[in-house]
N, C-alpha and C. Protein backbone atom coordinates (compact mmCIF):
# COMPACT_ATOMS: atom_id res chain seq x y z
N SER A 1 9.89 -1.14 -6.76
CA SER A 1 11.15 -1.73 -7.19
C SER A 1 12.19 -1.57 -6.08
N ASP A 2 13.24 -2.37 -6.18
CA ASP A 2 14.30 -2.30 -5.17
C ASP A 2 14.91 -0.90 -5.09
N SER A 3 15.02 -0.25 -6.24
CA SER A 3 15.69 1.05 -6.28
C SER A 3 14.88 2.16 -5.62
N THR A 4 13.56 2.02 -5.51
CA THR A 4 12.74 3.08 -4.94
C THR A 4 12.08 2.70 -3.61
N GLU A 5 12.21 1.45 -3.18
CA GLU A 5 11.50 1.01 -1.98
C GLU A 5 11.87 1.82 -0.74
N ALA A 6 13.14 2.05 -0.51
CA ALA A 6 13.56 2.81 0.67
C ALA A 6 13.01 4.24 0.62
N PHE A 7 13.04 4.85 -0.55
CA PHE A 7 12.50 6.21 -0.70
C PHE A 7 10.99 6.22 -0.46
N ASP A 8 10.28 5.22 -1.03
CA ASP A 8 8.82 5.15 -0.86
C ASP A 8 8.43 5.00 0.60
N ARG A 9 9.23 4.26 1.36
CA ARG A 9 8.93 4.03 2.78
C ARG A 9 9.48 5.13 3.68
N GLY A 10 10.40 5.91 3.18
CA GLY A 10 11.06 6.92 3.99
C GLY A 10 10.62 8.33 3.67
N ASP A 11 11.47 9.04 2.91
CA ASP A 11 11.24 10.46 2.65
C ASP A 11 9.91 10.73 1.97
N LYS A 12 9.54 9.92 0.99
CA LYS A 12 8.28 10.16 0.28
C LYS A 12 7.09 10.03 1.24
N PHE A 13 7.09 8.96 2.04
CA PHE A 13 6.00 8.76 2.99
C PHE A 13 5.98 9.89 4.02
N ASN A 14 7.14 10.31 4.49
CA ASN A 14 7.20 11.43 5.43
C ASN A 14 6.59 12.68 4.83
N ASP A 15 6.89 12.96 3.57
CA ASP A 15 6.31 14.12 2.90
C ASP A 15 4.80 14.00 2.78
N TYR A 16 4.32 12.83 2.37
CA TYR A 16 2.89 12.62 2.20
C TYR A 16 2.13 12.72 3.52
N GLN A 17 2.76 12.37 4.62
CA GLN A 17 2.09 12.45 5.92
C GLN A 17 1.71 13.87 6.28
N THR A 18 2.35 14.85 5.68
CA THR A 18 2.02 16.25 5.97
C THR A 18 0.76 16.71 5.25
N LEU A 19 0.26 15.92 4.31
CA LEU A 19 -0.97 16.27 3.59
C LEU A 19 -2.18 15.88 4.44
N GLU A 20 -2.89 16.87 4.94
CA GLU A 20 -4.03 16.59 5.81
C GLU A 20 -5.11 15.77 5.13
N SER A 21 -5.23 15.90 3.82
CA SER A 21 -6.29 15.20 3.09
C SER A 21 -5.95 13.74 2.80
N LEU A 22 -4.69 13.35 2.98
CA LEU A 22 -4.29 11.97 2.69
C LEU A 22 -4.79 11.04 3.80
N GLU A 23 -5.60 10.06 3.42
CA GLU A 23 -6.15 9.11 4.37
C GLU A 23 -5.43 7.77 4.33
N GLU A 24 -4.84 7.44 3.17
CA GLU A 24 -4.28 6.12 2.98
C GLU A 24 -3.08 6.21 2.04
N TYR A 25 -2.03 5.48 2.39
CA TYR A 25 -0.81 5.41 1.58
C TYR A 25 -0.61 3.94 1.26
N VAL A 26 -0.50 3.59 -0.02
CA VAL A 26 -0.51 2.20 -0.45
C VAL A 26 0.80 1.85 -1.14
N LEU A 27 1.38 0.72 -0.73
CA LEU A 27 2.57 0.18 -1.37
C LEU A 27 2.23 -1.19 -1.94
N VAL A 28 2.45 -1.35 -3.25
CA VAL A 28 2.20 -2.63 -3.93
C VAL A 28 3.55 -3.25 -4.23
N ASN A 29 3.77 -4.45 -3.75
CA ASN A 29 5.03 -5.15 -3.96
C ASN A 29 5.09 -5.67 -5.39
N SER A 30 6.19 -5.42 -6.07
CA SER A 30 6.32 -5.83 -7.48
C SER A 30 6.93 -7.21 -7.64
N LYS A 31 7.40 -7.80 -6.54
CA LYS A 31 8.03 -9.12 -6.62
C LYS A 31 7.19 -10.23 -6.00
N HIS A 32 6.44 -9.88 -4.97
CA HIS A 32 5.65 -10.85 -4.23
C HIS A 32 4.23 -10.34 -4.09
N GLN A 33 3.29 -11.24 -3.94
CA GLN A 33 1.89 -10.87 -3.78
C GLN A 33 1.69 -10.24 -2.40
N ARG A 34 1.80 -8.93 -2.35
CA ARG A 34 1.66 -8.23 -1.07
C ARG A 34 1.29 -6.77 -1.33
N VAL A 35 0.31 -6.31 -0.59
CA VAL A 35 -0.08 -4.91 -0.60
C VAL A 35 -0.05 -4.43 0.85
N GLU A 36 0.58 -3.29 1.07
CA GLU A 36 0.61 -2.69 2.40
C GLU A 36 -0.12 -1.35 2.33
N THR A 37 -1.03 -1.16 3.25
CA THR A 37 -1.72 0.12 3.33
C THR A 37 -1.43 0.75 4.69
N PHE A 38 -1.11 2.00 4.66
CA PHE A 38 -0.95 2.79 5.87
C PHE A 38 -2.15 3.72 5.93
N ARG A 39 -2.97 3.58 6.97
CA ARG A 39 -4.17 4.39 7.12
C ARG A 39 -4.01 5.33 8.31
N ARG A 40 -4.44 6.57 8.09
CA ARG A 40 -4.38 7.55 9.18
C ARG A 40 -5.51 7.26 10.16
N GLY A 41 -5.15 7.00 11.40
CA GLY A 41 -6.15 6.73 12.44
C GLY A 41 -6.76 8.01 12.97
N GLU A 42 -7.72 7.84 13.86
CA GLU A 42 -8.45 8.98 14.42
C GLU A 42 -7.55 9.97 15.13
N GLN A 43 -6.48 9.50 15.74
CA GLN A 43 -5.57 10.39 16.47
C GLN A 43 -4.40 10.84 15.61
N GLY A 44 -4.46 10.57 14.30
CA GLY A 44 -3.41 11.01 13.39
C GLY A 44 -2.26 10.04 13.24
N LEU A 45 -2.31 8.92 13.96
CA LEU A 45 -1.25 7.92 13.84
C LEU A 45 -1.53 7.04 12.63
N TRP A 46 -0.47 6.56 11.98
CA TRP A 46 -0.60 5.72 10.79
C TRP A 46 -0.61 4.26 11.20
N ILE A 47 -1.60 3.53 10.71
CA ILE A 47 -1.79 2.12 11.05
C ILE A 47 -1.50 1.29 9.81
N LEU A 48 -0.61 0.31 9.95
CA LEU A 48 -0.23 -0.56 8.84
C LEU A 48 -1.14 -1.77 8.76
N GLN A 49 -1.64 -2.04 7.56
CA GLN A 49 -2.40 -3.27 7.27
C GLN A 49 -1.71 -3.94 6.10
N THR A 50 -1.28 -5.19 6.28
CA THR A 50 -0.62 -5.94 5.22
C THR A 50 -1.56 -7.01 4.69
N TYR A 51 -1.68 -7.06 3.37
CA TYR A 51 -2.52 -8.06 2.70
C TYR A 51 -1.63 -8.98 1.89
N GLN A 52 -1.86 -10.28 2.03
CA GLN A 52 -1.10 -11.26 1.25
C GLN A 52 -1.99 -12.40 0.77
N GLN A 53 -3.27 -12.30 0.99
CA GLN A 53 -4.18 -13.38 0.64
C GLN A 53 -4.84 -13.11 -0.71
N GLU A 54 -6.12 -13.35 -0.81
CA GLU A 54 -6.83 -13.26 -2.09
C GLU A 54 -7.22 -11.85 -2.50
N SER A 55 -7.41 -10.96 -1.52
CA SER A 55 -7.88 -9.62 -1.86
C SER A 55 -7.32 -8.60 -0.88
N PHE A 56 -7.51 -7.34 -1.22
CA PHE A 56 -7.08 -6.24 -0.36
C PHE A 56 -8.14 -5.15 -0.43
N SER A 57 -8.12 -4.26 0.56
CA SER A 57 -9.11 -3.18 0.63
C SER A 57 -8.44 -1.83 0.76
N LEU A 58 -9.00 -0.87 0.06
CA LEU A 58 -8.61 0.53 0.20
C LEU A 58 -9.84 1.24 0.76
N GLN A 59 -9.83 1.48 2.05
CA GLN A 59 -11.00 2.04 2.72
C GLN A 59 -11.32 3.45 2.28
N SER A 60 -10.29 4.22 1.94
CA SER A 60 -10.51 5.63 1.59
C SER A 60 -11.35 5.80 0.33
N ILE A 61 -11.35 4.79 -0.54
CA ILE A 61 -12.15 4.87 -1.77
C ILE A 61 -13.15 3.72 -1.86
N ASN A 62 -13.38 3.04 -0.74
CA ASN A 62 -14.35 1.96 -0.66
C ASN A 62 -14.15 0.92 -1.76
N LEU A 63 -12.91 0.40 -1.85
CA LEU A 63 -12.55 -0.56 -2.89
C LEU A 63 -12.03 -1.84 -2.26
N THR A 64 -12.53 -2.96 -2.73
CA THR A 64 -11.94 -4.26 -2.44
C THR A 64 -11.61 -4.88 -3.78
N ALA A 65 -10.37 -5.33 -3.95
CA ALA A 65 -9.93 -5.88 -5.23
C ALA A 65 -9.17 -7.18 -4.99
N SER A 66 -9.11 -7.98 -6.03
CA SER A 66 -8.41 -9.26 -5.91
C SER A 66 -6.96 -9.13 -6.34
N PHE A 67 -6.12 -9.95 -5.75
CA PHE A 67 -4.72 -10.00 -6.17
C PHE A 67 -4.62 -10.53 -7.59
N ARG A 68 -5.52 -11.41 -7.97
CA ARG A 68 -5.51 -11.95 -9.33
C ARG A 68 -5.65 -10.81 -10.35
N ASP A 69 -6.56 -9.87 -10.09
CA ASP A 69 -6.71 -8.73 -11.00
C ASP A 69 -5.52 -7.79 -10.94
N LEU A 70 -5.03 -7.53 -9.74
CA LEU A 70 -3.91 -6.60 -9.57
C LEU A 70 -2.65 -7.10 -10.28
N TYR A 71 -2.37 -8.38 -10.16
CA TYR A 71 -1.14 -8.96 -10.70
C TYR A 71 -1.39 -9.73 -12.00
N GLU A 72 -2.44 -9.38 -12.71
CA GLU A 72 -2.86 -10.14 -13.89
C GLU A 72 -1.75 -10.38 -14.90
N ASP A 73 -0.99 -9.38 -15.26
CA ASP A 73 0.05 -9.52 -16.29
C ASP A 73 1.46 -9.48 -15.70
N ILE A 74 1.59 -9.81 -14.43
CA ILE A 74 2.87 -9.73 -13.73
C ILE A 74 3.35 -11.14 -13.39
N THR A 75 4.63 -11.40 -13.62
CA THR A 75 5.25 -12.65 -13.19
C THR A 75 5.96 -12.40 -11.87
N LEU A 76 5.49 -13.04 -10.82
CA LEU A 76 6.05 -12.84 -9.49
C LEU A 76 7.15 -13.85 -9.21
N GLU A 77 8.06 -13.46 -8.32
CA GLU A 77 9.11 -14.39 -7.89
C GLU A 77 8.49 -15.46 -7.01
N THR A 78 9.06 -16.64 -7.05
CA THR A 78 8.54 -17.72 -6.19
C THR A 78 9.47 -18.00 -5.05
């Protein structure tokens, strides 16, 4: 949501980055069909992957899912 987006991208993400076991941080947009995943690379740097097409992948749990399923009961802005 608009009210939490800055926190999710800022302080919360900074806190989560300190968790050694965290491999992937996922943000699902509630207004537009978009999923952003931040994956920890081999050197510890976070790599952003943005999905806006038919499906998205969460490598840490070996999942590929469709946007149709994710947004099944959601009305998105046009």
